[in-house]
Amino acid sequence: MDRFGALPQEAEALLQVAKLRTFVKAHGITDFAVQGRYVKVAPLQPSESLELKINRLYPGSIVKSVTKVVMIARPQSAAWESAAVEIGDTSLLDWAFELAQTLLERPKRK
């Protein structure tokens, strides 16, 4: 907040996008984008345990080990829900950042 007041919601969303891009780039990811029903993450070579975690947390996801591409099934609104609760645009930002943290941050060992 500055002398002009609080940032507009659009500016806050833009800052969230920049934070997400910086986070994934710092972890060596060059492609983190929505492609149809999936979020494409590349290059990423998940360990066996991370691959199991991906399949458990994001059913319908695809891991392509040879090309180092992971296609994460993104959340969809149910067919019986109204279009007013459509998942898209900036509503995916929080989910996308949580996804990036799940895929890229390694658990700390004690």
PDB file of N, CA and C in Angstrom:
ATOM      1  N   MET A   1       0.850  -1.174   0.000  1.00  0.00           N
ATOM      2  CA  MET A   1       0.000   0.000   0.000  1.00  0.00           C
ATOM      3  C   MET A   1       0.900   1.242   0.000  1.00  0.00           C
ATOM      4  N   ASP A   2       0.537   2.189  -0.819  1.00  0.00           N
ATOM      5  CA  ASP A   2       1.282   3.439  -0.845  1.00  0.00           C
ATOM      6  C   ASP A   2       0.313   4.611  -0.775  1.00  0.00           C
ATOM      7  N   ARG A   3       0.777   5.778  -1.161  1.00  0.00           N
ATOM      8  CA  ARG A   3      -0.068   6.968  -1.035  1.00  0.00           C
ATOM      9  C   ARG A   3      -1.299   6.926  -1.934  1.00  0.00           C
ATOM     10  N   PHE A   4      -1.313   6.018  -2.916  1.00  0.00           N
ATOM     11  CA  PHE A   4      -2.455   5.900  -3.812  1.00  0.00           C
ATOM     12  C   PHE A   4      -3.468   4.861  -3.337  1.00  0.00           C
ATOM     13  N   GLY A   5      -3.173   4.191  -2.226  1.00  0.00           N
ATOM     14  CA  GLY A   5      -4.084   3.191  -1.684  1.00  0.00           C
ATOM     15  C   GLY A   5      -3.631   1.777  -1.998  1.00  0.00           C
ATOM     16  N   ALA A   6      -4.511   0.859  -1.752  1.00  0.00           N
ATOM     17  CA  ALA A   6      -4.206  -0.563  -1.975  1.00  0.00           C
ATOM     18  C   ALA A   6      -4.101  -0.857  -3.467  1.00  0.00           C
ATOM     19  N   LEU A   7      -3.318  -1.890  -3.785  1.00  0.00           N
ATOM     20  CA  LEU A   7      -3.188  -2.312  -5.178  1.00  0.00           C
ATOM     21  C   LEU A   7      -4.507  -2.893  -5.667  1.00  0.00           C
ATOM     22  N   PRO A   8      -4.854  -2.656  -6.941  1.00  0.00           N
ATOM     23  CA  PRO A   8      -6.054  -3.292  -7.496  1.00  0.00           C
ATOM     24  C   PRO A   8      -5.881  -4.810  -7.545  1.00  0.00           C
ATOM     25  N   GLN A   9      -6.970  -5.519  -7.591  1.00  0.00           N
ATOM     26  CA  GLN A   9      -6.946  -6.990  -7.605  1.00  0.00           C
ATOM     27  C   GLN A   9      -6.134  -7.509  -8.803  1.00  0.00           C
ATOM     28  N   GLU A  10      -6.218  -6.838  -9.933  1.00  0.00           N
ATOM     29  CA  GLU A  10      -5.477  -7.255 -11.115  1.00  0.00           C
ATOM     30  C   GLU A  10      -3.970  -7.174 -10.879  1.00  0.00           C
ATOM     31  N   ALA A  11      -3.526  -6.108 -10.203  1.00  0.00           N
ATOM     32  CA  ALA A  11      -2.101  -5.948  -9.904  1.00  0.00           C
ATOM     33  C   ALA A  11      -1.630  -7.023  -8.923  1.00  0.00           C
ATOM     34  N   GLU A  12      -2.460  -7.347  -7.943  1.00  0.00           N
ATOM     35  CA  GLU A  12      -2.126  -8.419  -6.992  1.00  0.00           C
ATOM     36  C   GLU A  12      -1.964  -9.738  -7.734  1.00  0.00           C
ATOM     37  N   ALA A  13      -2.874 -10.022  -8.682  1.00  0.00           N
ATOM     38  CA  ALA A  13      -2.787 -11.261  -9.460  1.00  0.00           C
ATOM     39  C   ALA A  13      -1.523 -11.280 -10.302  1.00  0.00           C
ATOM     40  N   LEU A  14      -1.150 -10.139 -10.881  1.00  0.00           N
ATOM     41  CA  LEU A  14       0.069 -10.064 -11.674  1.00  0.00           C
ATOM     42  C   LEU A  14       1.303 -10.331 -10.814  1.00  0.00           C
ATOM     43  N   LEU A  15       1.319  -9.830  -9.592  1.00  0.00           N
ATOM     44  CA  LEU A  15       2.422 -10.093  -8.678  1.00  0.00           C
ATOM     45  C   LEU A  15       2.488 -11.578  -8.306  1.00  0.00           C
ATOM     46  N   GLN A  16       1.319 -12.214  -8.149  1.00  0.00           N
ATOM     47  CA  GLN A  16       1.287 -13.663  -7.859  1.00  0.00           C
ATOM     48  C   GLN A  16       1.872 -14.459  -9.022  1.00  0.00           C
ATOM     49  N   VAL A  17       1.544 -14.053 -10.258  1.00  0.00           N
ATOM     50  CA  VAL A  17       2.074 -14.733 -11.444  1.00  0.00           C
ATOM     51  C   VAL A  17       3.590 -14.586 -11.484  1.00  0.00           C
ATOM     52  N   ALA A  18       4.084 -13.384 -11.206  1.00  0.00           N
ATOM     53  CA  ALA A  18       5.529 -13.149 -11.201  1.00  0.00           C
ATOM     54  C   ALA A  18       6.217 -13.995 -10.133  1.00  0.00           C
ATOM     55  N   LYS A  19       5.597 -14.108  -8.961  1.00  0.00           N
ATOM     56  CA  LYS A  19       6.158 -14.923  -7.879  1.00  0.00           C
ATOM     57  C   LYS A  19       6.224 -16.396  -8.289  1.00  0.00           C
ATOM     58  N   LEU A  20       5.166 -16.883  -8.931  1.00  0.00           N
ATOM     59  CA  LEU A  20       5.118 -18.270  -9.399  1.00  0.00           C
ATOM     60  C   LEU A  20       6.194 -18.520 -10.454  1.00  0.00           C
ATOM     61  N   ARG A  21       6.306 -17.611 -11.426  1.00  0.00           N
ATOM     62  CA  ARG A  21       7.309 -17.767 -12.480  1.00  0.00           C
ATOM     63  C   ARG A  21       8.724 -17.775 -11.911  1.00  0.00           C
ATOM     64  N   THR A  22       8.982 -16.896 -10.970  1.00  0.00           N
ATOM     65  CA  THR A  22      10.296 -16.828 -10.342  1.00  0.00           C
ATOM     66  C   THR A  22      10.606 -18.118  -9.592  1.00  0.00           C
ATOM     67  N   PHE A  23       9.611 -18.644  -8.884  1.00  0.00           N
ATOM     68  CA  PHE A  23       9.790 -19.882  -8.109  1.00  0.00           C
ATOM     69  C   PHE A  23      10.132 -21.054  -9.018  1.00  0.00           C
ATOM     70  N   VAL A  24       9.361 -21.254 -10.097  1.00  0.00           N
ATOM     71  CA  VAL A  24       9.614 -22.407 -10.966  1.00  0.00           C
ATOM     72  C   VAL A  24      10.926 -22.245 -11.732  1.00  0.00           C
ATOM     73  N   LYS A  25      11.246 -21.023 -12.143  1.00  0.00           N
ATOM     74  CA  LYS A  25      12.497 -20.793 -12.861  1.00  0.00           C
ATOM     75  C   LYS A  25      13.700 -21.052 -11.963  1.00  0.00           C
ATOM     76  N   ALA A  26      13.583 -20.699 -10.687  1.00  0.00           N
ATOM     77  CA  ALA A  26      14.672 -20.940  -9.733  1.00  0.00           C
ATOM     78  C   ALA A  26      14.929 -22.434  -9.537  1.00  0.00           C
ATOM     79  N   HIS A  27      13.935 -23.261  -9.830  1.00  0.00           N
ATOM     80  CA  HIS A  27      14.071 -24.713  -9.703  1.00  0.00           C
ATOM     81  C   HIS A  27      14.350 -25.385 -11.051  1.00  0.00           C
ATOM     82  N   GLY A  28      14.685 -24.594 -12.074  1.00  0.00           N
ATOM     83  CA  GLY A  28      15.083 -25.153 -13.360  1.00  0.00           C
ATOM     84  C   GLY A  28      13.953 -25.513 -14.302  1.00  0.00           C
ATOM     85  N   ILE A  29      12.740 -25.136 -13.986  1.00  0.00           N
ATOM     86  CA  ILE A  29      11.597 -25.439 -14.851  1.00  0.00           C
ATOM     87  C   ILE A  29      11.490 -24.349 -15.914  1.00  0.00           C
ATOM     88  N   THR A  30      11.450 -24.750 -17.178  1.00  0.00           N
ATOM     89  CA  THR A  30      11.345 -23.778 -18.266  1.00  0.00           C
ATOM     90  C   THR A  30       9.943 -23.718 -18.866  1.00  0.00           C
ATOM     91  N   ASP A  31       9.136 -24.735 -18.594  1.00  0.00           N
ATOM     92  CA  ASP A  31       7.778 -24.780 -19.136  1.00  0.00           C
ATOM     93  C   ASP A  31       6.798 -25.139 -18.026  1.00  0.00           C
ATOM     94  N   PHE A  32       5.981 -24.181 -17.633  1.00  0.00           N
ATOM     95  CA  PHE A  32       4.953 -24.374 -16.603  1.00  0.00           C
ATOM     96  C   PHE A  32       3.726 -23.646 -17.119  1.00  0.00           C
ATOM     97  N   ALA A  33       2.873 -24.387 -17.841  1.00  0.00           N
ATOM     98  CA  ALA A  33       1.752 -23.739 -18.527  1.00  0.00           C
ATOM     99  C   ALA A  33       0.542 -24.660 -18.601  1.00  0.00           C
ATOM    100  N   VAL A  34      -0.632 -24.053 -18.692  1.00  0.00           N
ATOM    101  CA  VAL A  34      -1.876 -24.804 -18.849  1.00  0.00           C
ATOM    102  C   VAL A  34      -1.997 -25.228 -20.306  1.00  0.00           C
ATOM    103  N   GLN A  35      -2.245 -26.516 -20.524  1.00  0.00           N
ATOM    104  CA  GLN A  35      -2.495 -27.057 -21.850  1.00  0.00           C
ATOM    105  C   GLN A  35      -3.741 -27.929 -21.765  1.00  0.00           C
ATOM    106  N   GLY A  36      -4.860 -27.367 -22.133  1.00  0.00           N
ATOM    107  CA  GLY A  36      -6.117 -28.110 -22.077  1.00  0.00           C
ATOM    108  C   GLY A  36      -6.478 -28.477 -20.649  1.00  0.00           C
ATOM    109  N   ARG A  37      -6.612 -29.764 -20.384  1.00  0.00           N
ATOM    110  CA  ARG A  37      -6.984 -30.254 -19.048  1.00  0.00           C
ATOM    111  C   ARG A  37      -5.791 -30.428 -18.133  1.00  0.00           C
ATOM    112  N   TYR A  38      -4.614 -30.081 -18.603  1.00  0.00           N
ATOM    113  CA  TYR A  38      -3.390 -30.343 -17.850  1.00  0.00           C
ATOM    114  C   TYR A  38      -2.569 -29.077 -17.624  1.00  0.00           C
ATOM    115  N   VAL A  39      -1.686 -29.176 -16.636  1.00  0.00           N
ATOM    116  CA  VAL A  39      -0.625 -28.191 -16.463  1.00  0.00           C
ATOM    117  C   VAL A  39       0.656 -28.918 -16.833  1.00  0.00           C
ATOM    118  N   LYS A  40       1.348 -28.400 -17.847  1.00  0.00           N
ATOM    119  CA  LYS A  40       2.584 -29.016 -18.328  1.00  0.00           C
ATOM    120  C   LYS A  40       3.752 -28.467 -17.522  1.00  0.00           C
ATOM    121  N   VAL A  41       4.563 -29.372 -16.984  1.00  0.00           N
ATOM    122  CA  VAL A  41       5.754 -29.002 -16.214  1.00  0.00           C
ATOM    123  C   VAL A  41       6.947 -29.706 -16.857  1.00  0.00           C
ATOM    124  N   ALA A  42       7.920 -28.902 -17.315  1.00  0.00           N
ATOM    125  CA  ALA A  42       9.096 -29.482 -17.967  1.00  0.00           C
ATOM    126  C   ALA A  42      10.285 -28.545 -17.810  1.00  0.00           C
ATOM    127  N   PRO A  43      11.472 -29.046 -17.769  1.00  0.00           N
ATOM    128  CA  PRO A  43      11.826 -30.452 -17.606  1.00  0.00           C
ATOM    129  C   PRO A  43      11.724 -30.866 -16.148  1.00  0.00           C
ATOM    130  N   LEU A  44      11.183 -32.023 -15.921  1.00  0.00           N
ATOM    131  CA  LEU A  44      11.056 -32.563 -14.565  1.00  0.00           C
ATOM    132  C   LEU A  44      11.169 -34.076 -14.627  1.00  0.00           C
ATOM    133  N   GLN A  45      12.138 -34.603 -13.916  1.00  0.00           N
ATOM    134  CA  GLN A  45      12.342 -36.048 -13.809  1.00  0.00           C
ATOM    135  C   GLN A  45      11.998 -36.457 -12.380  1.00  0.00           C
ATOM    136  N   PRO A  46      10.734 -36.816 -12.120  1.00  0.00           N
ATOM    137  CA  PRO A  46      10.357 -37.134 -10.739  1.00  0.00           C
ATOM    138  C   PRO A  46      10.913 -38.477 -10.280  1.00  0.00           C
ATOM    139  N   SER A  47      11.224 -38.537  -8.991  1.00  0.00           N
ATOM    140  CA  SER A  47      11.633 -39.810  -8.394  1.00  0.00           C
ATOM    141  C   SER A  47      10.407 -40.720  -8.337  1.00  0.00           C
ATOM    142  N   GLU A  48      10.634 -41.984  -8.010  1.00  0.00           N
ATOM    143  CA  GLU A  48       9.505 -42.921  -7.911  1.00  0.00           C
ATOM    144  C   GLU A  48       8.506 -42.462  -6.869  1.00  0.00           C
ATOM    145  N   SER A  49       9.006 -41.985  -5.729  1.00  0.00           N
ATOM    146  CA  SER A  49       8.098 -41.556  -4.662  1.00  0.00           C
ATOM    147  C   SER A  49       7.307 -40.313  -5.081  1.00  0.00           C
ATOM    148  N   LEU A  50       7.951 -39.395  -5.804  1.00  0.00           N
ATOM    149  CA  LEU A  50       7.231 -38.206  -6.270  1.00  0.00           C
ATOM    150  C   LEU A  50       6.200 -38.587  -7.317  1.00  0.00           C
ATOM    151  N   GLU A  51       6.535 -39.552  -8.161  1.00  0.00           N
ATOM    152  CA  GLU A  51       5.579 -40.014  -9.172  1.00  0.00           C
ATOM    153  C   GLU A  51       4.341 -40.633  -8.509  1.00  0.00           C
ATOM    154  N   LEU A  52       4.558 -41.419  -7.448  1.00  0.00           N
ATOM    155  CA  LEU A  52       3.428 -41.983  -6.706  1.00  0.00           C
ATOM    156  C   LEU A  52       2.587 -40.878  -6.067  1.00  0.00           C
ATOM    157  N   LYS A  53       3.271 -39.880  -5.527  1.00  0.00           N
ATOM    158  CA  LYS A  53       2.577 -38.750  -4.905  1.00  0.00           C
ATOM    159  C   LYS A  53       1.749 -37.981  -5.935  1.00  0.00           C
ATOM    160  N   ILE A  54       2.313 -37.776  -7.122  1.00  0.00           N
ATOM    161  CA  ILE A  54       1.585 -37.096  -8.196  1.00  0.00           C
ATOM    162  C   ILE A  54       0.320 -37.858  -8.538  1.00  0.00           C
ATOM    163  N   ASN A  55       0.440 -39.175  -8.710  1.00  0.00           N
ATOM    164  CA  ASN A  55      -0.735 -39.985  -9.070  1.00  0.00           C
ATOM    165  C   ASN A  55      -1.779 -40.025  -7.962  1.00  0.00           C
ATOM    166  N   ARG A  56      -1.319 -39.921  -6.717  1.00  0.00           N
ATOM    167  CA  ARG A  56      -2.257 -39.927  -5.592  1.00  0.00           C
ATOM    168  C   ARG A  56      -2.960 -38.574  -5.445  1.00  0.00           C
ATOM    169  N   LEU A  57      -2.201 -37.488  -5.545  1.00  0.00           N
ATOM    170  CA  LEU A  57      -2.776 -36.153  -5.333  1.00  0.00           C
ATOM    171  C   LEU A  57      -3.500 -35.595  -6.551  1.00  0.00           C
ATOM    172  N   TYR A  58      -3.041 -35.975  -7.735  1.00  0.00           N
ATOM    173  CA  TYR A  58      -3.594 -35.425  -8.974  1.00  0.00           C
ATOM    174  C   TYR A  58      -3.964 -36.562  -9.923  1.00  0.00           C
ATOM    175  N   PRO A  59      -5.070 -37.272  -9.633  1.00  0.00           N
ATOM    176  CA  PRO A  59      -5.464 -38.414 -10.467  1.00  0.00           C
ATOM    177  C   PRO A  59      -5.645 -38.004 -11.932  1.00  0.00           C
ATOM    178  N   GLY A  60      -5.195 -38.870 -12.828  1.00  0.00           N
ATOM    179  CA  GLY A  60      -5.310 -38.593 -14.250  1.00  0.00           C
ATOM    180  C   GLY A  60      -4.083 -37.901 -14.821  1.00  0.00           C
ATOM    181  N   SER A  61      -3.077 -37.648 -13.990  1.00  0.00           N
ATOM    182  CA  SER A  61      -1.853 -37.005 -14.451  1.00  0.00           C
ATOM    183  C   SER A  61      -1.004 -37.990 -15.249  1.00  0.00           C
ATOM    184  N   ILE A  62      -0.122 -37.434 -16.084  1.00  0.00           N
ATOM    185  CA  ILE A  62       0.722 -38.253 -16.956  1.00  0.00           C
ATOM    186  C   ILE A  62       2.180 -37.875 -16.721  1.00  0.00           C
ATOM    187  N   VAL A  63       3.026 -38.880 -16.491  1.00  0.00           N
ATOM    188  CA  VAL A  63       4.466 -38.657 -16.328  1.00  0.00           C
ATOM    189  C   VAL A  63       5.166 -39.277 -17.531  1.00  0.00           C
ATOM    190  N   LYS A  64       5.862 -38.431 -18.309  1.00  0.00           N
ATOM    191  CA  LYS A  64       6.609 -38.893 -19.479  1.00  0.00           C
ATOM    192  C   LYS A  64       8.092 -38.814 -19.144  1.00  0.00           C
ATOM    193  N   SER A  65       8.625 -39.905 -18.624  1.00  0.00           N
ATOM    194  CA  SER A  65      10.003 -39.933 -18.148  1.00  0.00           C
ATOM    195  C   SER A  65      11.029 -39.680 -19.239  1.00  0.00           C
ATOM    196  N   VAL A  66      10.808 -40.207 -20.425  1.00  0.00           N
ATOM    197  CA  VAL A  66      11.778 -40.091 -21.513  1.00  0.00           C
ATOM    198  C   VAL A  66      11.967 -38.626 -21.916  1.00  0.00           C
ATOM    199  N   THR A  67      10.875 -37.871 -22.002  1.00  0.00           N
ATOM    200  CA  THR A  67      10.954 -36.467 -22.423  1.00  0.00           C
ATOM    201  C   THR A  67      11.030 -35.499 -21.246  1.00  0.00           C
ATOM    202  N   LYS A  68      11.019 -36.035 -20.013  1.00  0.00           N
ATOM    203  CA  LYS A  68      11.074 -35.231 -18.788  1.00  0.00           C
ATOM    204  C   LYS A  68       9.935 -34.213 -18.725  1.00  0.00           C
ATOM    205  N   VAL A  69       8.742 -34.673 -19.089  1.00  0.00           N
ATOM    206  CA  VAL A  69       7.542 -33.838 -19.061  1.00  0.00           C
ATOM    207  C   VAL A  69       6.532 -34.483 -18.120  1.00  0.00           C
ATOM    208  N   VAL A  70       5.936 -33.662 -17.273  1.00  0.00           N
ATOM    209  CA  VAL A  70       4.869 -34.124 -16.397  1.00  0.00           C
ATOM    210  C   VAL A  70       3.626 -33.301 -16.724  1.00  0.00           C
ATOM    211  N   MET A  71       2.545 -34.006 -17.017  1.00  0.00           N
ATOM    212  CA  MET A  71       1.268 -33.356 -17.314  1.00  0.00           C
ATOM    213  C   MET A  71       0.361 -33.587 -16.106  1.00  0.00           C
ATOM    214  N   ILE A  72       0.104 -32.537 -15.338  1.00  0.00           N
ATOM    215  CA  ILE A  72      -0.704 -32.631 -14.130  1.00  0.00           C
ATOM    216  C   ILE A  72      -2.152 -32.311 -14.471  1.00  0.00           C
ATOM    217  N   ALA A  73      -3.054 -33.229 -14.116  1.00  0.00           N
ATOM    218  CA  ALA A  73      -4.479 -32.991 -14.347  1.00  0.00           C
ATOM    219  C   ALA A  73      -4.932 -31.839 -13.459  1.00  0.00           C
ATOM    220  N   ARG A  74      -5.444 -30.788 -14.086  1.00  0.00           N
ATOM    221  CA  ARG A  74      -5.853 -29.629 -13.295  1.00  0.00           C
ATOM    222  C   ARG A  74      -7.292 -29.787 -12.827  1.00  0.00           C
ATOM    223  N   PRO A  75      -7.653 -29.066 -11.769  1.00  0.00           N
ATOM    224  CA  PRO A  75      -9.018 -29.200 -11.251  1.00  0.00           C
ATOM    225  C   PRO A  75     -10.043 -28.688 -12.252  1.00  0.00           C
ATOM    226  N   GLN A  76     -11.139 -29.361 -12.311  1.00  0.00           N
ATOM    227  CA  GLN A  76     -12.244 -28.982 -13.196  1.00  0.00           C
ATOM    228  C   GLN A  76     -13.500 -28.825 -12.357  1.00  0.00           C
ATOM    229  N   SER A  77     -14.366 -27.931 -12.778  1.00  0.00           N
ATOM    230  CA  SER A  77     -15.645 -27.851 -12.073  1.00  0.00           C
ATOM    231  C   SER A  77     -16.503 -29.026 -12.529  1.00  0.00           C
ATOM    232  N   ALA A  78     -17.334 -29.518 -11.651  1.00  0.00           N
ATOM    233  CA  ALA A  78     -18.187 -30.669 -11.954  1.00  0.00           C
ATOM    234  C   ALA A  78     -19.223 -30.277 -13.008  1.00  0.00           C
ATOM    235  N   ALA A  79     -19.648 -31.242 -13.814  1.00  0.00           N
ATOM    236  CA  ALA A  79     -20.601 -30.985 -14.896  1.00  0.00           C
ATOM    237  C   ALA A  79     -21.931 -30.445 -14.372  1.00  0.00           C
ATOM    238  N   TRP A  80     -22.311 -30.833 -13.159  1.00  0.00           N
ATOM    239  CA  TRP A  80     -23.594 -30.406 -12.626  1.00  0.00           C
ATOM    240  C   TRP A  80     -23.532 -29.029 -11.949  1.00  0.00           C
ATOM    241  N   GLU A  81     -22.340 -28.473 -11.774  1.00  0.00           N
ATOM    242  CA  GLU A  81     -22.235 -27.151 -11.171  1.00  0.00           C
ATOM    243  C   GLU A  81     -22.463 -26.080 -12.220  1.00  0.00           C
ATOM    244  N   SER A  82     -22.933 -24.935 -11.782  1.00  0.00           N
ATOM    245  CA  SER A  82     -23.203 -23.845 -12.724  1.00  0.00           C
ATOM    246  C   SER A  82     -21.901 -23.258 -13.244  1.00  0.00           C
ATOM    247  N   ALA A  83     -21.980 -22.549 -14.352  1.00  0.00           N
ATOM    248  CA  ALA A  83     -20.797 -21.929 -14.956  1.00  0.00           C
ATOM    249  C   ALA A  83     -20.254 -20.804 -14.083  1.00  0.00           C
ATOM    250  N   ALA A  84     -21.031 -20.345 -13.135  1.00  0.00           N
ATOM    251  CA  ALA A  84     -20.595 -19.254 -12.261  1.00  0.00           C
ATOM    252  C   ALA A  84     -19.414 -19.654 -11.393  1.00  0.00           C
ATOM    253  N   VAL A  85     -19.257 -20.951 -11.160  1.00  0.00           N
ATOM    254  CA  VAL A  85     -18.136 -21.415 -10.349  1.00  0.00           C
ATOM    255  C   VAL A  85     -17.037 -22.024 -11.215  1.00  0.00           C
ATOM    256  N   GLU A  86     -16.974 -21.583 -12.478  1.00  0.00           N
ATOM    257  CA  GLU A  86     -15.961 -22.072 -13.406  1.00  0.00           C
ATOM    258  C   GLU A  86     -14.569 -21.834 -12.837  1.00  0.00           C
ATOM    259  N   ILE A  87     -13.739 -22.854 -12.897  1.00  0.00           N
ATOM    260  CA  ILE A  87     -12.379 -22.740 -12.407  1.00  0.00           C
ATOM    261  C   ILE A  87     -11.512 -22.282 -13.574  1.00  0.00           C
ATOM    262  N   GLY A  88     -10.836 -21.189 -13.399  1.00  0.00           N
ATOM    263  CA  GLY A  88      -9.997 -20.665 -14.465  1.00  0.00           C
ATOM    264  C   GLY A  88      -9.434 -19.323 -14.098  1.00  0.00           C
ATOM    265  N   ASP A  89      -8.762 -18.696 -15.059  1.00  0.00           N
ATOM    266  CA  ASP A  89      -8.148 -17.390 -14.871  1.00  0.00           C
ATOM    267  C   ASP A  89      -7.314 -17.354 -13.597  1.00  0.00           C
ATOM    268  N   THR A  90      -7.562 -16.374 -12.750  1.00  0.00           N
ATOM    269  CA  THR A  90      -6.733 -16.202 -11.564  1.00  0.00           C
ATOM    270  C   THR A  90      -7.108 -17.143 -10.426  1.00  0.00           C
ATOM    271  N   SER A  91      -8.237 -17.831 -10.532  1.00  0.00           N
ATOM    272  CA  SER A  91      -8.606 -18.757  -9.460  1.00  0.00           C
ATOM    273  C   SER A  91      -7.662 -19.956  -9.398  1.00  0.00           C
ATOM    274  N   LEU A  92      -6.910 -20.189 -10.438  1.00  0.00           N
ATOM    275  CA  LEU A  92      -5.947 -21.289 -10.460  1.00  0.00           C
ATOM    276  C   LEU A  92      -4.593 -20.909  -9.877  1.00  0.00           C
ATOM    277  N   LEU A  93      -4.351 -19.627  -9.620  1.00  0.00           N
ATOM    278  CA  LEU A  93      -3.026 -19.195  -9.167  1.00  0.00           C
ATOM    279  C   LEU A  93      -2.602 -19.842  -7.858  1.00  0.00           C
ATOM    280  N   ASP A  94      -3.471 -19.833  -6.861  1.00  0.00           N
ATOM    281  CA  ASP A  94      -3.113 -20.447  -5.579  1.00  0.00           C
ATOM    282  C   ASP A  94      -2.853 -21.940  -5.746  1.00  0.00           C
ATOM    283  N   TRP A  95      -3.710 -22.600  -6.525  1.00  0.00           N
ATOM    284  CA  TRP A  95      -3.542 -24.028  -6.773  1.00  0.00           C
ATOM    285  C   TRP A  95      -2.231 -24.286  -7.515  1.00  0.00           C
ATOM    286  N   ALA A  96      -1.911 -23.455  -8.505  1.00  0.00           N
ATOM    287  CA  ALA A  96      -0.687 -23.636  -9.288  1.00  0.00           C
ATOM    288  C   ALA A  96       0.553 -23.460  -8.416  1.00  0.00           C
ATOM    289  N   PHE A  97       0.529 -22.498  -7.492  1.00  0.00           N
ATOM    290  CA  PHE A  97       1.687 -22.306  -6.623  1.00  0.00           C
ATOM    291  C   PHE A  97       1.841 -23.488  -5.672  1.00  0.00           C
ATOM    292  N   GLU A  98       0.729 -23.986  -5.164  1.00  0.00           N
ATOM    293  CA  GLU A  98       0.763 -25.178  -4.296  1.00  0.00           C
ATOM    294  C   GLU A  98       1.298 -26.381  -5.075  1.00  0.00           C
ATOM    295  N   LEU A  99       0.881 -26.513  -6.334  1.00  0.00           N
ATOM    296  CA  LEU A  99       1.373 -27.583  -7.203  1.00  0.00           C
ATOM    297  C   LEU A  99       2.886 -27.469  -7.385  1.00  0.00           C
ATOM    298  N   ALA A 100       3.363 -26.276  -7.679  1.00  0.00           N
ATOM    299  CA  ALA A 100       4.803 -26.069  -7.887  1.00  0.00           C
ATOM    300  C   ALA A 100       5.583 -26.431  -6.627  1.00  0.00           C
ATOM    301  N   GLN A 101       5.072 -26.050  -5.477  1.00  0.00           N
ATOM    302  CA  GLN A 101       5.755 -26.397  -4.223  1.00  0.00           C
ATOM    303  C   GLN A 101       5.766 -27.903  -4.002  1.00  0.00           C
ATOM    304  N   THR A 102       4.651 -28.565  -4.301  1.00  0.00           N
ATOM    305  CA  THR A 102       4.564 -30.014  -4.141  1.00  0.00           C
ATOM    306  C   THR A 102       5.571 -30.728  -5.037  1.00  0.00           C
ATOM    307  N   LEU A 103       5.713 -30.264  -6.271  1.00  0.00           N
ATOM    308  CA  LEU A 103       6.591 -30.930  -7.223  1.00  0.00           C
ATOM    309  C   LEU A 103       8.068 -30.600  -7.020  1.00  0.00           C
ATOM    310  N   LEU A 104       8.370 -29.387  -6.596  1.00  0.00           N
ATOM    311  CA  LEU A 104       9.750 -28.923  -6.634  1.00  0.00           C
ATOM    312  C   LEU A 104      10.459 -28.851  -5.303  1.00  0.00           C
ATOM    313  N   GLU A 105       9.738 -28.701  -4.216  1.00  0.00           N
ATOM    314  CA  GLU A 105      10.403 -28.631  -2.908  1.00  0.00           C
ATOM    315  C   GLU A 105      10.586 -30.027  -2.356  1.00  0.00           C
ATOM    316  N   ARG A 106      11.799 -30.323  -2.024  1.00  0.00           N
ATOM    317  CA  ARG A 106      12.103 -31.633  -1.455  1.00  0.00           C
ATOM    318  C   ARG A 106      11.861 -31.606   0.040  1.00  0.00           C
ATOM    319  N   PRO A 107      11.292 -32.659   0.597  1.00  0.00           N
ATOM    320  CA  PRO A 107      11.081 -32.690   2.048  1.00  0.00           C
ATOM    321  C   PRO A 107      12.406 -32.661   2.777  1.00  0.00           C
ATOM    322  N   LYS A 108      12.434 -31.951   3.886  1.00  0.00           N
ATOM    323  CA  LYS A 108      13.646 -31.862   4.694  1.00  0.00           C
ATOM    324  C   LYS A 108      13.772 -33.093   5.560  1.00  0.00           C
ATOM    325  N   ARG A 109      14.954 -33.690   5.560  1.00  0.00           N
ATOM    326  CA  ARG A 109      15.204 -34.880   6.371  1.00  0.00           C
ATOM    327  C   ARG A 109      15.698 -34.457   7.748  1.00  0.00           C
ATOM    328  N   LYS A 110      15.312 -35.228   8.745  1.00  0.00           N
ATOM    329  CA  LYS A 110      15.705 -34.907  10.116  1.00  0.00           C
ATOM    330  C   LYS A 110      16.932 -35.650  10.522  1.00  0.00           C
TER     331      LYS A 110
END
